[in-house]
């Protein structure tokens, strides 16, 4: 599976860490050994499942071509292939970011 952009949701503290030098992962990422990412089609379900009720979230659009050797597409939720980043996320790998917002029941992707 190939796509050029994947998405990650961070809270304000995690986003500040990313800006200050890099993001090693949320607790679930660290426990699993990789940073969980989502495709555009998977993002809304990811937010509903893992971030419901949380405020101050930031959506990152990540350039997978900058991380190609560190990203693996692996089977996860519902048998879908999800991008997993085996390594640190750097601000240089982020194409765009924006506060999490909704439109017509879906997460608005950062431009």
PDB file of N, CA and C in Angstrom:
ATOM      1  N   UNK A   1       0.852  -1.182   0.000  1.00  0.00           N
ATOM      2  CA  UNK A   1       0.000   0.000   0.000  1.00  0.00           C
ATOM      3  C   UNK A   1       0.886   1.229   0.000  1.00  0.00           C
ATOM      4  N   UNK A   2       0.544   2.196  -0.829  1.00  0.00           N
ATOM      5  CA  UNK A   2       1.330   3.426  -0.848  1.00  0.00           C
ATOM      6  C   UNK A   2       0.406   4.633  -0.822  1.00  0.00           C
ATOM      7  N   UNK A   3       0.800   5.589  -0.090  1.00  0.00           N
ATOM      8  CA  UNK A   3       0.167   6.897  -0.057  1.00  0.00           C
ATOM      9  C   UNK A   3       1.262   7.871   0.343  1.00  0.00           C
ATOM     10  N   UNK A   4       1.126   9.097  -0.021  1.00  0.00           N
ATOM     11  CA  UNK A   4       2.195  10.053   0.256  1.00  0.00           C
ATOM     12  C   UNK A   4       2.040  10.775   1.582  1.00  0.00           C
ATOM     13  N   UNK A   5       0.820  10.743   2.151  1.00  0.00           N
ATOM     14  CA  UNK A   5       0.564  11.469   3.395  1.00  0.00           C
ATOM     15  C   UNK A   5      -0.147  10.547   4.377  1.00  0.00           C
ATOM     16  N   UNK A   6       0.283  10.605   5.626  1.00  0.00           N
ATOM     17  CA  UNK A   6      -0.419   9.940   6.727  1.00  0.00           C
ATOM     18  C   UNK A   6      -0.693  10.999   7.776  1.00  0.00           C
ATOM     19  N   UNK A   7      -1.514  10.636   8.750  1.00  0.00           N
ATOM     20  CA  UNK A   7      -1.960  11.608   9.743  1.00  0.00           C
ATOM     21  C   UNK A   7      -1.730  11.086  11.152  1.00  0.00           C
ATOM     22  N   UNK A   8      -1.475  12.017  12.068  1.00  0.00           N
ATOM     23  CA  UNK A   8      -1.272  11.701  13.473  1.00  0.00           C
ATOM     24  C   UNK A   8      -1.990  12.759  14.293  1.00  0.00           C
ATOM     25  N   UNK A   9      -2.620  12.314  15.376  1.00  0.00           N
ATOM     26  CA  UNK A   9      -3.269  13.220  16.316  1.00  0.00           C
ATOM     27  C   UNK A   9      -2.364  13.356  17.538  1.00  0.00           C
ATOM     28  N   UNK A  10      -2.090  14.590  17.935  1.00  0.00           N
ATOM     29  CA  UNK A  10      -1.300  14.859  19.140  1.00  0.00           C
ATOM     30  C   UNK A  10      -2.072  15.782  20.066  1.00  0.00           C
ATOM     31  N   UNK A  11      -1.824  15.641  21.362  1.00  0.00           N
ATOM     32  CA  UNK A  11      -2.360  16.628  22.294  1.00  0.00           C
ATOM     33  C   UNK A  11      -1.372  17.798  22.344  1.00  0.00           C
ATOM     34  N   UNK A  12      -1.738  18.844  23.061  1.00  0.00           N
ATOM     35  CA  UNK A  12      -0.914  20.061  23.080  1.00  0.00           C
ATOM     36  C   UNK A  12       0.488  19.797  23.616  1.00  0.00           C
ATOM     37  N   UNK A  13       0.610  18.991  24.657  1.00  0.00           N
ATOM     38  CA  UNK A  13       1.921  18.679  25.232  1.00  0.00           C
ATOM     39  C   UNK A  13       2.795  17.914  24.237  1.00  0.00           C
ATOM     40  N   UNK A  14       2.207  16.950  23.550  1.00  0.00           N
ATOM     41  CA  UNK A  14       2.945  16.170  22.554  1.00  0.00           C
ATOM     42  C   UNK A  14       3.361  17.050  21.378  1.00  0.00           C
ATOM     43  N   UNK A  15       2.475  17.957  20.967  1.00  0.00           N
ATOM     44  CA  UNK A  15       2.800  18.854  19.862  1.00  0.00           C
ATOM     45  C   UNK A  15       3.945  19.792  20.245  1.00  0.00           C
ATOM     46  N   UNK A  16       3.943  20.258  21.475  1.00  0.00           N
ATOM     47  CA  UNK A  16       5.043  21.113  21.954  1.00  0.00           C
ATOM     48  C   UNK A  16       6.358  20.330  21.931  1.00  0.00           C
ATOM     49  N   UNK A  17       6.325  19.058  22.325  1.00  0.00           N
ATOM     50  CA  UNK A  17       7.538  18.224  22.285  1.00  0.00           C
ATOM     51  C   UNK A  17       8.030  18.060  20.854  1.00  0.00           C
ATOM     52  N   UNK A  18       7.109  17.844  19.922  1.00  0.00           N
ATOM     53  CA  UNK A  18       7.473  17.721  18.506  1.00  0.00           C
ATOM     54  C   UNK A  18       8.181  18.985  18.038  1.00  0.00           C
ATOM     55  N   UNK A  19       7.627  20.127  18.374  1.00  0.00           N
ATOM     56  CA  UNK A  19       8.217  21.399  17.951  1.00  0.00           C
ATOM     57  C   UNK A  19       9.565  21.660  18.612  1.00  0.00           C
ATOM     58  N   UNK A  20       9.761  21.130  19.812  1.00  0.00           N
ATOM     59  CA  UNK A  20      10.997  21.370  20.558  1.00  0.00           C
ATOM     60  C   UNK A  20      12.126  20.420  20.182  1.00  0.00           C
ATOM     61  N   UNK A  21      11.848  19.430  19.364  1.00  0.00           N
ATOM     62  CA  UNK A  21      12.937  18.541  18.984  1.00  0.00           C
ATOM     63  C   UNK A  21      12.534  17.187  18.463  1.00  0.00           C
ATOM     64  N   UNK A  22      11.308  16.795  18.669  1.00  0.00           N
ATOM     65  CA  UNK A  22      10.872  15.526  18.113  1.00  0.00           C
ATOM     66  C   UNK A  22       9.868  14.828  19.012  1.00  0.00           C
ATOM     67  N   UNK A  23       9.124  13.926  18.427  1.00  0.00           N
ATOM     68  CA  UNK A  23       8.081  13.183  19.121  1.00  0.00           C
ATOM     69  C   UNK A  23       8.444  11.708  19.108  1.00  0.00           C
ATOM     70  N   UNK A  24       8.592  11.152  20.300  1.00  0.00           N
ATOM     71  CA  UNK A  24       8.964   9.741  20.454  1.00  0.00           C
ATOM     72  C   UNK A  24       7.754   8.825  20.458  1.00  0.00           C
ATOM     73  N   UNK A  25       6.577   9.403  20.689  1.00  0.00           N
ATOM     74  CA  UNK A  25       5.357   8.611  20.695  1.00  0.00           C
ATOM     75  C   UNK A  25       4.528   8.850  21.937  1.00  0.00           C
ATOM     76  N   UNK A  26       3.217   8.645  21.791  1.00  0.00           N
ATOM     77  CA  UNK A  26       2.298   8.650  22.919  1.00  0.00           C
ATOM     78  C   UNK A  26       2.524   7.361  23.696  1.00  0.00           C
ATOM     79  N   UNK A  27       1.980   7.245  24.908  1.00  0.00           N
ATOM     80  CA  UNK A  27       2.175   6.010  25.677  1.00  0.00           C
ATOM     81  C   UNK A  27       1.830   4.739  24.900  1.00  0.00           C
ATOM     82  N   UNK A  28       0.745   4.740  24.138  1.00  0.00           N
ATOM     83  CA  UNK A  28       0.384   3.549  23.365  1.00  0.00           C
ATOM     84  C   UNK A  28       1.419   3.265  22.268  1.00  0.00           C
ATOM     85  N   UNK A  29       1.970   4.318  21.668  1.00  0.00           N
ATOM     86  CA  UNK A  29       3.003   4.148  20.641  1.00  0.00           C
ATOM     87  C   UNK A  29       4.251   3.509  21.249  1.00  0.00           C
ATOM     88  N   UNK A  30       4.669   4.045  22.373  1.00  0.00           N
ATOM     89  CA  UNK A  30       5.873   3.536  23.041  1.00  0.00           C
ATOM     90  C   UNK A  30       5.678   2.081  23.444  1.00  0.00           C
ATOM     91  N   UNK A  31       4.494   1.767  23.972  1.00  0.00           N
ATOM     92  CA  UNK A  31       4.207   0.386  24.379  1.00  0.00           C
ATOM     93  C   UNK A  31       4.233  -0.571  23.186  1.00  0.00           C
ATOM     94  N   UNK A  32       3.754  -0.116  22.025  1.00  0.00           N
ATOM     95  CA  UNK A  32       3.694  -0.978  20.838  1.00  0.00           C
ATOM     96  C   UNK A  32       4.992  -0.993  20.036  1.00  0.00           C
ATOM     97  N   UNK A  33       5.891  -0.032  20.289  1.00  0.00           N
ATOM     98  CA  UNK A  33       7.176  -0.009  19.602  1.00  0.00           C
ATOM     99  C   UNK A  33       7.195   0.761  18.300  1.00  0.00           C
ATOM    100  N   UNK A  34       6.135   1.499  18.014  1.00  0.00           N
ATOM    101  CA  UNK A  34       6.073   2.316  16.800  1.00  0.00           C
ATOM    102  C   UNK A  34       5.032   3.403  17.010  1.00  0.00           C
ATOM    103  N   UNK A  35       5.093   4.441  16.177  1.00  0.00           N
ATOM    104  CA  UNK A  35       4.121   5.526  16.230  1.00  0.00           C
ATOM    105  C   UNK A  35       2.975   5.181  15.290  1.00  0.00           C
ATOM    106  N   UNK A  36       1.778   5.120  15.842  1.00  0.00           N
ATOM    107  CA  UNK A  36       0.574   4.823  15.070  1.00  0.00           C
ATOM    108  C   UNK A  36       0.213   6.017  14.193  1.00  0.00           C
ATOM    109  N   UNK A  37       0.020   5.777  12.920  1.00  0.00           N
ATOM    110  CA  UNK A  37      -0.443   6.785  11.979  1.00  0.00           C
ATOM    111  C   UNK A  37      -1.726   6.270  11.327  1.00  0.00           C
ATOM    112  N   UNK A  38      -2.419   7.145  10.634  1.00  0.00           N
ATOM    113  CA  UNK A  38      -3.637   6.769   9.921  1.00  0.00           C
ATOM    114  C   UNK A  38      -3.619   7.376   8.531  1.00  0.00           C
ATOM    115  N   UNK A  39      -4.275   6.687   7.600  1.00  0.00           N
ATOM    116  CA  UNK A  39      -4.507   7.284   6.283  1.00  0.00           C
ATOM    117  C   UNK A  39      -5.655   8.276   6.422  1.00  0.00           C
ATOM    118  N   UNK A  40      -5.902   9.064   5.402  1.00  0.00           N
ATOM    119  CA  UNK A  40      -7.017  10.013   5.434  1.00  0.00           C
ATOM    120  C   UNK A  40      -8.336   9.283   5.668  1.00  0.00           C
ATOM    121  N   UNK A  41      -8.509   8.135   5.020  1.00  0.00           N
ATOM    122  CA  UNK A  41      -9.755   7.373   5.144  1.00  0.00           C
ATOM    123  C   UNK A  41      -9.936   6.777   6.540  1.00  0.00           C
ATOM    124  N   UNK A  42      -8.867   6.575   7.268  1.00  0.00           N
ATOM    125  CA  UNK A  42      -8.920   5.957   8.598  1.00  0.00           C
ATOM    126  C   UNK A  42      -8.988   6.971   9.734  1.00  0.00           C
ATOM    127  N   UNK A  43      -8.693   8.222   9.458  1.00  0.00           N
ATOM    128  CA  UNK A  43      -8.477   9.213  10.513  1.00  0.00           C
ATOM    129  C   UNK A  43      -9.705   9.470  11.383  1.00  0.00           C
ATOM    130  N   UNK A  44     -10.865   9.652  10.795  1.00  0.00           N
ATOM    131  CA  UNK A  44     -12.062   9.963  11.583  1.00  0.00           C
ATOM    132  C   UNK A  44     -12.375   8.838  12.557  1.00  0.00           C
ATOM    133  N   UNK A  45     -12.300   7.596  12.108  1.00  0.00           N
ATOM    134  CA  UNK A  45     -12.545   6.464  13.006  1.00  0.00           C
ATOM    135  C   UNK A  45     -11.494   6.409  14.119  1.00  0.00           C
ATOM    136  N   UNK A  46     -10.253   6.706  13.791  1.00  0.00           N
ATOM    137  CA  UNK A  46      -9.191   6.737  14.799  1.00  0.00           C
ATOM    138  C   UNK A  46      -9.509   7.765  15.877  1.00  0.00           C
ATOM    139  N   UNK A  47      -9.945   8.951  15.476  1.00  0.00           N
ATOM    140  CA  UNK A  47     -10.266   9.989  16.456  1.00  0.00           C
ATOM    141  C   UNK A  47     -11.432   9.541  17.336  1.00  0.00           C
ATOM    142  N   UNK A  48     -12.475   8.990  16.734  1.00  0.00           N
ATOM    143  CA  UNK A  48     -13.613   8.513  17.521  1.00  0.00           C
ATOM    144  C   UNK A  48     -13.194   7.433  18.514  1.00  0.00           C
ATOM    145  N   UNK A  49     -12.352   6.535  18.086  1.00  0.00           N
ATOM    146  CA  UNK A  49     -11.969   5.388  18.918  1.00  0.00           C
ATOM    147  C   UNK A  49     -10.976   5.756  20.024  1.00  0.00           C
ATOM    148  N   UNK A  50     -10.021   6.613  19.729  1.00  0.00           N
ATOM    149  CA  UNK A  50      -8.915   6.849  20.663  1.00  0.00           C
ATOM    150  C   UNK A  50      -8.860   8.249  21.284  1.00  0.00           C
ATOM    151  N   UNK A  51      -9.626   9.194  20.757  1.00  0.00           N
ATOM    152  CA  UNK A  51      -9.503  10.572  21.233  1.00  0.00           C
ATOM    153  C   UNK A  51     -10.847  11.218  21.591  1.00  0.00           C
ATOM    154  N   UNK A  52     -11.900  10.431  21.699  1.00  0.00           N
ATOM    155  CA  UNK A  52     -13.236  10.967  21.984  1.00  0.00           C
ATOM    156  C   UNK A  52     -13.225  11.790  23.269  1.00  0.00           C
ATOM    157  N   UNK A  53     -13.824  12.967  23.191  1.00  0.00           N
ATOM    158  CA  UNK A  53     -13.962  13.824  24.361  1.00  0.00           C
ATOM    159  C   UNK A  53     -12.736  14.637  24.728  1.00  0.00           C
ATOM    160  N   UNK A  54     -11.639  14.430  24.041  1.00  0.00           N
ATOM    161  CA  UNK A  54     -10.422  15.183  24.347  1.00  0.00           C
ATOM    162  C   UNK A  54     -10.435  16.522  23.613  1.00  0.00           C
ATOM    163  N   UNK A  55      -9.872  17.526  24.249  1.00  0.00           N
ATOM    164  CA  UNK A  55      -9.800  18.855  23.647  1.00  0.00           C
ATOM    165  C   UNK A  55      -8.347  19.240  23.423  1.00  0.00           C
ATOM    166  N   UNK A  56      -8.130  20.267  22.617  1.00  0.00           N
ATOM    167  CA  UNK A  56      -6.785  20.771  22.374  1.00  0.00           C
ATOM    168  C   UNK A  56      -5.946  19.855  21.502  1.00  0.00           C
ATOM    169  N   UNK A  57      -6.594  19.080  20.636  1.00  0.00           N
ATOM    170  CA  UNK A  57      -5.861  18.143  19.781  1.00  0.00           C
ATOM    171  C   UNK A  57      -5.405  18.824  18.489  1.00  0.00           C
ATOM    172  N   UNK A  58      -4.299  18.330  17.967  1.00  0.00           N
ATOM    173  CA  UNK A  58      -3.720  18.848  16.729  1.00  0.00           C
ATOM    174  C   UNK A  58      -3.613  17.696  15.737  1.00  0.00           C
ATOM    175  N   UNK A  59      -3.998  17.966  14.488  1.00  0.00           N
ATOM    176  CA  UNK A  59      -3.883  16.982  13.408  1.00  0.00           C
ATOM    177  C   UNK A  59      -2.637  17.310  12.602  1.00  0.00           C
ATOM    178  N   UNK A  60      -1.778  16.303  12.428  1.00  0.00           N
ATOM    179  CA  UNK A  60      -0.570  16.468  11.623  1.00  0.00           C
ATOM    180  C   UNK A  60      -0.723  15.735  10.299  1.00  0.00           C
ATOM    181  N   UNK A  61      -0.296  16.362   9.229  1.00  0.00           N
ATOM    182  CA  UNK A  61      -0.160  15.700   7.929  1.00  0.00           C
ATOM    183  C   UNK A  61       1.325  15.414   7.758  1.00  0.00           C
ATOM    184  N   UNK A  62       1.659  14.143   7.593  1.00  0.00           N
ATOM    185  CA  UNK A  62       3.056  13.711   7.609  1.00  0.00           C
ATOM    186  C   UNK A  62       3.464  13.214   6.223  1.00  0.00           C
ATOM    187  N   UNK A  63       4.610  13.694   5.757  1.00  0.00           N
ATOM    188  CA  UNK A  63       5.136  13.313   4.449  1.00  0.00           C
ATOM    189  C   UNK A  63       5.805  11.944   4.540  1.00  0.00           C
ATOM    190  N   UNK A  64       5.139  10.929   4.053  1.00  0.00           N
ATOM    191  CA  UNK A  64       5.691   9.575   4.156  1.00  0.00           C
ATOM    192  C   UNK A  64       6.935   9.375   3.298  1.00  0.00           C
ATOM    193  N   UNK A  65       7.071  10.126   2.213  1.00  0.00           N
ATOM    194  CA  UNK A  65       8.261   9.967   1.383  1.00  0.00           C
ATOM    195  C   UNK A  65       9.531  10.383   2.122  1.00  0.00           C
ATOM    196  N   UNK A  66       9.401  11.213   3.144  1.00  0.00           N
ATOM    197  CA  UNK A  66      10.558  11.615   3.958  1.00  0.00           C
ATOM    198  C   UNK A  66      10.921  10.542   4.985  1.00  0.00           C
ATOM    199  N   UNK A  67      10.014   9.590   5.188  1.00  0.00           N
ATOM    200  CA  UNK A  67      10.192   8.560   6.212  1.00  0.00           C
ATOM    201  C   UNK A  67      10.142   7.151   5.622  1.00  0.00           C
ATOM    202  N   UNK A  68      10.235   7.038   4.328  1.00  0.00           N
ATOM    203  CA  UNK A  68       9.916   5.789   3.636  1.00  0.00           C
ATOM    204  C   UNK A  68      10.521   4.542   4.261  1.00  0.00           C
ATOM    205  N   UNK A  69      11.774   4.575   4.621  1.00  0.00           N
ATOM    206  CA  UNK A  69      12.416   3.382   5.177  1.00  0.00           C
ATOM    207  C   UNK A  69      11.965   3.084   6.598  1.00  0.00           C
ATOM    208  N   UNK A  70      11.339   4.041   7.260  1.00  0.00           N
ATOM    209  CA  UNK A  70      10.906   3.857   8.647  1.00  0.00           C
ATOM    210  C   UNK A  70       9.413   3.535   8.772  1.00  0.00           C
ATOM    211  N   UNK A  71       8.675   3.562   7.672  1.00  0.00           N
ATOM    212  CA  UNK A  71       7.228   3.327   7.709  1.00  0.00           C
ATOM    213  C   UNK A  71       6.910   1.952   7.149  1.00  0.00           C
ATOM    214  N   UNK A  72       6.104   1.223   7.901  1.00  0.00           N
ATOM    215  CA  UNK A  72       5.602  -0.083   7.447  1.00  0.00           C
ATOM    216  C   UNK A  72       4.083  -0.051   7.493  1.00  0.00           C
ATOM    217  N   UNK A  73       3.465  -0.585   6.465  1.00  0.00           N
ATOM    218  CA  UNK A  73       2.013  -0.735   6.433  1.00  0.00           C
ATOM    219  C   UNK A  73       1.705  -2.117   6.987  1.00  0.00           C
ATOM    220  N   UNK A  74       0.998  -2.143   8.117  1.00  0.00           N
ATOM    221  CA  UNK A  74       0.748  -3.404   8.810  1.00  0.00           C
ATOM    222  C   UNK A  74      -0.734  -3.543   9.147  1.00  0.00           C
ATOM    223  N   UNK A  75      -1.183  -4.781   9.210  1.00  0.00           N
ATOM    224  CA  UNK A  75      -2.574  -5.072   9.522  1.00  0.00           C
ATOM    225  C   UNK A  75      -2.877  -4.664  10.954  1.00  0.00           C
ATOM    226  N   UNK A  76      -3.984  -3.966  11.114  1.00  0.00           N
ATOM    227  CA  UNK A  76      -4.410  -3.525  12.442  1.00  0.00           C
ATOM    228  C   UNK A  76      -5.932  -3.582  12.479  1.00  0.00           C
ATOM    229  N   UNK A  77      -6.552  -2.567  13.055  1.00  0.00           N
ATOM    230  CA  UNK A  77      -7.989  -2.522  13.294  1.00  0.00           C
ATOM    231  C   UNK A  77      -8.802  -2.995  12.094  1.00  0.00           C
ATOM    232  N   UNK A  78      -9.630  -3.999  12.332  1.00  0.00           N
ATOM    233  CA  UNK A  78     -10.531  -4.489  11.293  1.00  0.00           C
ATOM    234  C   UNK A  78      -9.841  -5.085  10.089  1.00  0.00           C
ATOM    235  N   UNK A  79      -8.592  -5.508  10.245  1.00  0.00           N
ATOM    236  CA  UNK A  79      -7.856  -6.094   9.124  1.00  0.00           C
ATOM    237  C   UNK A  79      -7.309  -5.078   8.136  1.00  0.00           C
ATOM    238  N   UNK A  80      -7.473  -3.792   8.435  1.00  0.00           N
ATOM    239  CA  UNK A  80      -6.968  -2.750   7.547  1.00  0.00           C
ATOM    240  C   UNK A  80      -5.455  -2.596   7.685  1.00  0.00           C
ATOM    241  N   UNK A  81      -4.816  -2.142   6.624  1.00  0.00           N
ATOM    242  CA  UNK A  81      -3.398  -1.800   6.683  1.00  0.00           C
ATOM    243  C   UNK A  81      -3.267  -0.367   7.178  1.00  0.00           C
ATOM    244  N   UNK A  82      -2.470  -0.197   8.232  1.00  0.00           N
ATOM    245  CA  UNK A  82      -2.209   1.123   8.802  1.00  0.00           C
ATOM    246  C   UNK A  82      -0.721   1.430   8.691  1.00  0.00           C
ATOM    247  N   UNK A  83      -0.371   2.708   8.481  1.00  0.00           N
ATOM    248  CA  UNK A  83       1.045   3.086   8.484  1.00  0.00           C
ATOM    249  C   UNK A  83       1.564   3.180   9.919  1.00  0.00           C
ATOM    250  N   UNK A  84       2.692   2.550  10.163  1.00  0.00           N
ATOM    251  CA  UNK A  84       3.348   2.586  11.468  1.00  0.00           C
ATOM    252  C   UNK A  84       4.757   3.131  11.274  1.00  0.00           C
ATOM    253  N   UNK A  85       5.109   4.135  12.055  1.00  0.00           N
ATOM    254  CA  UNK A  85       6.429   4.767  11.978  1.00  0.00           C
ATOM    255  C   UNK A  85       7.337   4.167  13.031  1.00  0.00           C
ATOM    256  N   UNK A  86       8.389   3.512  12.580  1.00  0.00           N
ATOM    257  CA  UNK A  86       9.395   2.931  13.469  1.00  0.00           C
ATOM    258  C   UNK A  86      10.547   3.921  13.589  1.00  0.00           C
ATOM    259  N   UNK A  87      10.377   4.861  14.475  1.00  0.00           N
ATOM    260  CA  UNK A  87      11.387   5.897  14.678  1.00  0.00           C
ATOM    261  C   UNK A  87      10.729   7.156  15.189  1.00  0.00           C
ATOM    262  N   UNK A  88      11.520   8.145  15.364  1.00  0.00           N
ATOM    263  CA  UNK A  88      11.097   9.440  15.899  1.00  0.00           C
ATOM    264  C   UNK A  88      10.448  10.276  14.800  1.00  0.00           C
ATOM    265  N   UNK A  89       9.425  11.018  15.165  1.00  0.00           N
ATOM    266  CA  UNK A  89       8.801  11.965  14.248  1.00  0.00           C
ATOM    267  C   UNK A  89       9.414  13.336  14.483  1.00  0.00           C
ATOM    268  N   UNK A  90       9.853  13.970  13.395  1.00  0.00           N
ATOM    269  CA  UNK A  90      10.463  15.303  13.477  1.00  0.00           C
ATOM    270  C   UNK A  90       9.528  16.326  12.843  1.00  0.00           C
ATOM    271  N   UNK A  91       9.630  17.549  13.277  1.00  0.00           N
ATOM    272  CA  UNK A  91       8.790  18.611  12.728  1.00  0.00           C
ATOM    273  C   UNK A  91       9.041  18.765  11.226  1.00  0.00           C
ATOM    274  N   UNK A  92      10.246  18.447  10.774  1.00  0.00           N
ATOM    275  CA  UNK A  92      10.571  18.531   9.343  1.00  0.00           C
ATOM    276  C   UNK A  92       9.765  17.543   8.511  1.00  0.00           C
ATOM    277  N   UNK A  93       9.225  16.501   9.140  1.00  0.00           N
ATOM    278  CA  UNK A  93       8.442  15.488   8.438  1.00  0.00           C
ATOM    279  C   UNK A  93       6.970  15.874   8.316  1.00  0.00           C
ATOM    280  N   UNK A  94       6.590  16.967   8.964  1.00  0.00           N
ATOM    281  CA  UNK A  94       5.198  17.403   8.996  1.00  0.00           C
ATOM    282  C   UNK A  94       4.961  18.431   7.883  1.00  0.00           C
ATOM    283  N   UNK A  95       4.043  18.098   6.990  1.00  0.00           N
ATOM    284  CA  UNK A  95       3.709  19.005   5.885  1.00  0.00           C
ATOM    285  C   UNK A  95       2.794  20.137   6.331  1.00  0.00           C
ATOM    286  N   UNK A  96       1.866  19.820   7.222  1.00  0.00           N
ATOM    287  CA  UNK A  96       0.896  20.805   7.703  1.00  0.00           C
ATOM    288  C   UNK A  96       0.341  20.311   9.032  1.00  0.00           C
ATOM    289  N   UNK A  97      -0.181  21.233   9.806  1.00  0.00           N
ATOM    290  CA  UNK A  97      -0.843  20.876  11.059  1.00  0.00           C
ATOM    291  C   UNK A  97      -1.929  21.906  11.331  1.00  0.00           C
ATOM    292  N   UNK A  98      -2.943  21.479  12.070  1.00  0.00           N
ATOM    293  CA  UNK A  98      -4.051  22.366  12.405  1.00  0.00           C
ATOM    294  C   UNK A  98      -4.782  21.796  13.610  1.00  0.00           C
ATOM    295  N   UNK A  99      -5.451  22.665  14.358  1.00  0.00           N
ATOM    296  CA  UNK A  99      -6.282  22.154  15.442  1.00  0.00           C
ATOM    297  C   UNK A  99      -7.343  21.205  14.883  1.00  0.00           C
ATOM    298  N   UNK A 100      -7.677  20.186  15.636  1.00  0.00           N
ATOM    299  CA  UNK A 100      -8.694  19.240  15.208  1.00  0.00           C
ATOM    300  C   UNK A 100     -10.034  19.951  15.078  1.00  0.00           C
ATOM    301  N   UNK A 101     -10.631  19.834  13.896  1.00  0.00           N
ATOM    302  CA  UNK A 101     -11.981  20.341  13.689  1.00  0.00           C
ATOM    303  C   UNK A 101     -12.758  19.358  12.831  1.00  0.00           C
ATOM    304  N   UNK A 102     -14.066  19.505  12.903  1.00  0.00           N
ATOM    305  CA  UNK A 102     -14.981  18.585  12.234  1.00  0.00           C
ATOM    306  C   UNK A 102     -15.788  19.323  11.182  1.00  0.00           C
ATOM    307  N   UNK A 103     -16.117  18.592  10.110  1.00  0.00           N
ATOM    308  CA  UNK A 103     -17.038  19.114   9.101  1.00  0.00           C
ATOM    309  C   UNK A 103     -17.822  17.932   8.567  1.00  0.00           C
ATOM    310  N   UNK A 104     -19.112  18.015   8.644  1.00  0.00           N
ATOM    311  CA  UNK A 104     -20.010  16.959   8.159  1.00  0.00           C
ATOM    312  C   UNK A 104     -19.636  15.592   8.765  1.00  0.00           C
ATOM    313  N   UNK A 105     -19.281  15.591  10.050  1.00  0.00           N
ATOM    314  CA  UNK A 105     -19.007  14.348  10.742  1.00  0.00           C
ATOM    315  C   UNK A 105     -17.636  13.747  10.501  1.00  0.00           C
ATOM    316  N   UNK A 106     -16.776  14.454   9.779  1.00  0.00           N
ATOM    317  CA  UNK A 106     -15.436  13.948   9.476  1.00  0.00           C
ATOM    318  C   UNK A 106     -14.381  14.952   9.950  1.00  0.00           C
ATOM    319  N   UNK A 107     -13.200  14.442  10.256  1.00  0.00           N
ATOM    320  CA  UNK A 107     -12.083  15.305  10.623  1.00  0.00           C
ATOM    321  C   UNK A 107     -11.649  16.097   9.391  1.00  0.00           C
ATOM    322  N   UNK A 108     -11.444  17.391   9.575  1.00  0.00           N
ATOM    323  CA  UNK A 108     -10.926  18.243   8.499  1.00  0.00           C
ATOM    324  C   UNK A 108      -9.418  18.043   8.446  1.00  0.00           C
ATOM    325  N   UNK A 109      -8.920  17.692   7.285  1.00  0.00           N
ATOM    326  CA  UNK A 109      -7.482  17.473   7.105  1.00  0.00           C
ATOM    327  C   UNK A 109      -6.745  18.806   7.022  1.00  0.00           C
ATOM    328  N   UNK A 110      -5.570  18.911   7.641  1.00  0.00           N
ATOM    329  CA  UNK A 110      -4.813  20.165   7.552  1.00  0.00           C
ATOM    330  C   UNK A 110      -4.309  20.388   6.138  1.00  0.00           C
ATOM    331  N   UNK A 111      -4.297  21.636   5.747  1.00  0.00           N
ATOM    332  CA  UNK A 111      -3.842  21.960   4.370  1.00  0.00           C
ATOM    333  C   UNK A 111      -2.514  22.676   4.417  1.00  0.00           C
TER     334      UNK A 111
END
